[in-house]
Amino acid sequence: MSAEVVVACGLAVGLLLWSARRWLMGRPNGWARLPGELRRAELIYSERPFRVGEPEAISAKVDRAYRRRDGVFVLLELKTRAHARAYPSDVIELSAQRMALGSESGQPVASHAYVLIQAPDGRFLGCRRVRLLPAREVVALARRRRQLLRGALQPRANGAPHLCGDCAHSQRCGR
């Protein structure tokens, strides 16, 4: 092989590698860890607060909101924890985000979302799809929270005694 051919091949390979690296660097961190539905969607909102005023005032900061090609938003919540599981609190948080984003944007938001979990050391642990609560349940939770904070309702144990040790309200509910 002549020197010119070797140099041309080397330049072509170098250009290909440079292009691939540049394309990958342009993708959001963890892009390969996203569910297929979100890899084909466009990231529209990141760390942005939204608010709904009626029937109950709810404010929520959306971690990530992706818009699918059909115009529907899908939410993603990033969590750092030791185990790859989604908790009821994640579902409540994402459901409130769904209400607030849908109300403020006027756009449809999917009835499911994702919780992407990484370990404290940065390792990817998993991505869990969760079904979101209907709006009426989110409103009921928001009203109950408001009543608890006003002192109009008495707190009750949450059914998970291992969580009571770190709860700021444990003295009020008798645990």
Protein backbone atom coordinates (compact mmCIF):
# COMPACT_ATOMS: atom_id res chain seq x y z
CA MET A 1 0.00 0.00 0.00
CA SER A 2 1.30 3.44 -0.82
CA ALA A 3 1.91 6.06 1.83
CA GLU A 4 -0.82 8.26 0.37
CA VAL A 5 -3.44 5.51 0.79
CA VAL A 6 -2.35 4.85 4.39
CA VAL A 7 -2.53 8.57 5.22
CA ALA A 8 -5.94 8.91 3.52
CA CYS A 9 -7.31 5.89 5.42
CA GLY A 10 -5.90 7.26 8.68
CA LEU A 11 -7.51 10.64 8.06
CA ALA A 12 -10.85 9.02 7.19
CA VAL A 13 -10.83 6.90 10.36
CA GLY A 14 -9.79 9.92 12.44
CA LEU A 15 -12.58 12.03 10.97
CA LEU A 16 -15.10 9.25 11.63
CA LEU A 17 -13.97 8.88 15.26
CA TRP A 18 -14.00 12.64 15.78
CA SER A 19 -17.54 12.88 14.36
CA ALA A 20 -18.79 10.01 16.53
CA ARG A 21 -17.23 11.52 19.66
CA ARG A 22 -18.71 14.92 18.87
CA TRP A 23 -22.17 13.39 18.37
CA LEU A 24 -21.94 11.45 21.65
CA MET A 25 -20.70 14.52 23.54
CA GLY A 26 -23.75 16.41 22.31
CA ARG A 27 -26.09 13.90 23.95
CA PRO A 28 -27.19 14.52 27.54
CA ASN A 29 -25.35 12.62 30.27
CA GLY A 30 -26.83 9.18 30.74
CA TRP A 31 -28.57 9.30 27.36
CA ALA A 32 -27.84 5.62 26.71
CA ARG A 33 -29.52 4.77 30.04
CA LEU A 34 -32.82 6.35 29.04
CA PRO A 35 -35.79 4.21 28.02
CA GLY A 36 -36.23 4.00 24.25
CA GLU A 37 -39.30 6.23 24.42
CA LEU A 38 -37.18 9.08 25.82
CA ARG A 39 -34.17 8.52 23.56
CA ARG A 40 -36.42 9.34 20.62
CA ALA A 41 -37.90 12.39 22.39
CA GLU A 42 -36.62 15.94 22.82
CA LEU A 43 -35.60 17.30 26.23
CA ILE A 44 -37.69 20.46 26.65
CA TYR A 45 -37.53 21.29 30.37
CA SER A 46 -34.84 20.66 32.96
CA GLU A 47 -35.02 21.78 36.61
CA ARG A 48 -37.90 24.15 35.88
CA PRO A 49 -40.69 25.05 38.32
CA PHE A 50 -44.34 24.88 37.29
CA ARG A 51 -47.52 25.76 39.14
CA VAL A 52 -51.22 24.99 39.03
CA GLY A 53 -53.62 27.22 40.96
CA GLU A 54 -56.95 25.39 40.77
CA PRO A 55 -58.53 23.37 42.24
CA GLU A 56 -55.62 23.37 44.70
CA ALA A 57 -52.36 25.33 44.50
CA ILE A 58 -49.57 22.92 43.60
CA SER A 59 -46.00 23.90 42.77
CA ALA A 60 -43.51 21.38 41.43
CA LYS A 61 -40.03 21.51 39.97
CA VAL A 62 -39.79 19.25 36.93
CA ASP A 63 -36.50 17.36 36.88
CA ARG A 64 -36.74 16.50 33.17
CA ALA A 65 -39.63 16.73 30.71
CA TYR A 66 -39.23 15.15 27.28
CA ARG A 67 -41.61 15.78 24.39
CA ARG A 68 -42.36 12.78 22.22
CA ARG A 69 -42.96 13.16 18.50
CA ASP A 70 -46.73 13.03 19.12
CA GLY A 71 -46.45 16.15 21.33
CA VAL A 72 -47.03 14.37 24.65
CA PHE A 73 -44.63 15.18 27.50
CA VAL A 74 -43.05 12.33 29.48
CA LEU A 75 -41.46 13.09 32.86
CA LEU A 76 -38.19 11.72 34.22
CA GLU A 77 -37.05 12.07 37.83
CA LEU A 78 -33.37 11.53 38.70
CA LYS A 79 -32.68 9.91 42.07
CA THR A 80 -29.54 8.93 43.96
CA ARG A 81 -30.09 6.01 46.30
CA ALA A 82 -28.65 2.64 47.23
CA HIS A 83 -31.41 0.52 45.70
CA ALA A 84 -32.97 0.54 42.24
CA ARG A 85 -36.58 1.06 43.23
CA ALA A 86 -39.21 3.70 42.83
CA TYR A 87 -41.11 4.70 45.97
CA PRO A 88 -44.67 5.97 46.46
CA SER A 89 -43.17 9.40 47.22
CA ASP A 90 -41.63 9.39 43.71
CA VAL A 91 -45.06 8.68 42.22
CA ILE A 92 -46.62 11.52 44.24
CA GLU A 93 -43.85 13.94 43.24
CA LEU A 94 -44.10 13.04 39.54
CA SER A 95 -47.91 13.18 39.65
CA ALA A 96 -47.76 16.73 41.05
CA GLN A 97 -45.26 17.62 38.32
CA ARG A 98 -47.65 16.20 35.73
CA MET A 99 -50.51 18.38 36.98
CA ALA A 100 -48.41 21.54 37.18
CA LEU A 101 -46.70 21.07 33.79
CA GLY A 102 -49.98 20.21 32.06
CA SER A 103 -51.78 23.17 33.60
CA GLU A 104 -49.11 25.74 32.86
CA SER A 105 -48.11 24.52 29.38
CA GLY A 106 -51.57 23.50 28.19
CA GLN A 107 -49.94 20.43 26.62
CA PRO A 108 -50.72 16.76 27.30
CA VAL A 109 -48.51 14.89 29.80
CA ALA A 110 -48.31 11.09 29.82
CA SER A 111 -49.98 9.11 32.60
CA HIS A 112 -46.68 7.34 33.23
CA ALA A 113 -43.19 8.61 34.03
CA TYR A 114 -39.71 7.26 34.76
CA VAL A 115 -37.45 7.26 37.81
CA LEU A 116 -33.79 6.95 36.82
CA ILE A 117 -31.71 5.74 39.77
CA GLN A 118 -27.99 5.98 40.31
CA ALA A 119 -25.97 4.81 43.29
CA PRO A 120 -24.21 7.32 45.56
CA ASP A 121 -20.94 6.36 43.81
CA GLY A 122 -22.42 7.29 40.42
CA ARG A 123 -23.16 3.78 39.09
CA PHE A 124 -26.35 3.40 37.07
CA LEU A 125 -28.79 1.17 38.97
CA GLY A 126 -31.86 1.25 36.78
CA CYS A 127 -34.76 3.13 35.32
CA ARG A 128 -38.26 2.34 36.57
CA ARG A 129 -41.49 3.17 34.79
CA VAL A 130 -44.25 4.29 37.16
CA ARG A 131 -47.97 4.90 36.69
CA LEU A 132 -48.96 8.37 37.88
CA LEU A 133 -51.86 9.20 40.17
CA PRO A 134 -55.07 10.67 38.77
CA ALA A 135 -55.45 14.43 39.31
CA ARG A 136 -58.21 13.96 41.93
CA GLU A 137 -55.82 11.92 44.13
CA VAL A 138 -53.08 14.55 43.82
CA VAL A 139 -55.57 17.27 44.78
CA ALA A 140 -56.73 15.21 47.79
CA LEU A 141 -53.11 14.76 48.94
CA ALA A 142 -52.41 18.50 48.51
CA ARG A 143 -55.51 19.38 50.54
CA ARG A 144 -54.58 16.94 53.29
CA ARG A 145 -51.05 18.39 53.42
CA ARG A 146 -52.43 21.93 53.70
CA GLN A 147 -54.78 20.87 56.50
CA LEU A 148 -51.95 19.13 58.36
CA LEU A 149 -49.72 22.20 58.12
CA ARG A 150 -52.56 24.42 59.38
CA GLY A 151 -53.17 22.08 62.29
CA ALA A 152 -56.71 21.33 61.12
CA LEU A 153 -55.92 17.59 60.92
CA GLN A 154 -53.90 15.36 63.18
CA PRO A 155 -51.04 13.45 61.53
CA ARG A 156 -51.21 9.69 61.56
CA ALA A 157 -48.50 7.06 61.35
CA ASN A 158 -47.53 6.23 57.80
CA GLY A 159 -47.51 2.46 58.24
CA ALA A 160 -43.73 2.25 57.83
CA PRO A 161 -42.28 2.52 61.37
CA HIS A 162 -38.69 2.50 60.10
CA LEU A 163 -39.34 5.92 58.53
CA CYS A 164 -40.59 7.49 61.78
CA GLY A 165 -37.13 7.99 63.30
CA ASP A 166 -36.23 10.74 60.83
CA CYS A 167 -39.69 12.30 60.61
CA ALA A 168 -40.04 15.89 61.77
CA HIS A 169 -43.63 15.18 62.85
CA SER A 170 -43.06 12.00 64.89
CA GLN A 171 -43.80 13.71 68.22
CA ARG A 172 -47.15 15.03 66.98
CA CYS A 173 -48.42 11.64 65.81
CA GLY A 174 -47.22 9.80 68.92
CA ARG A 175 -44.58 7.59 67.33
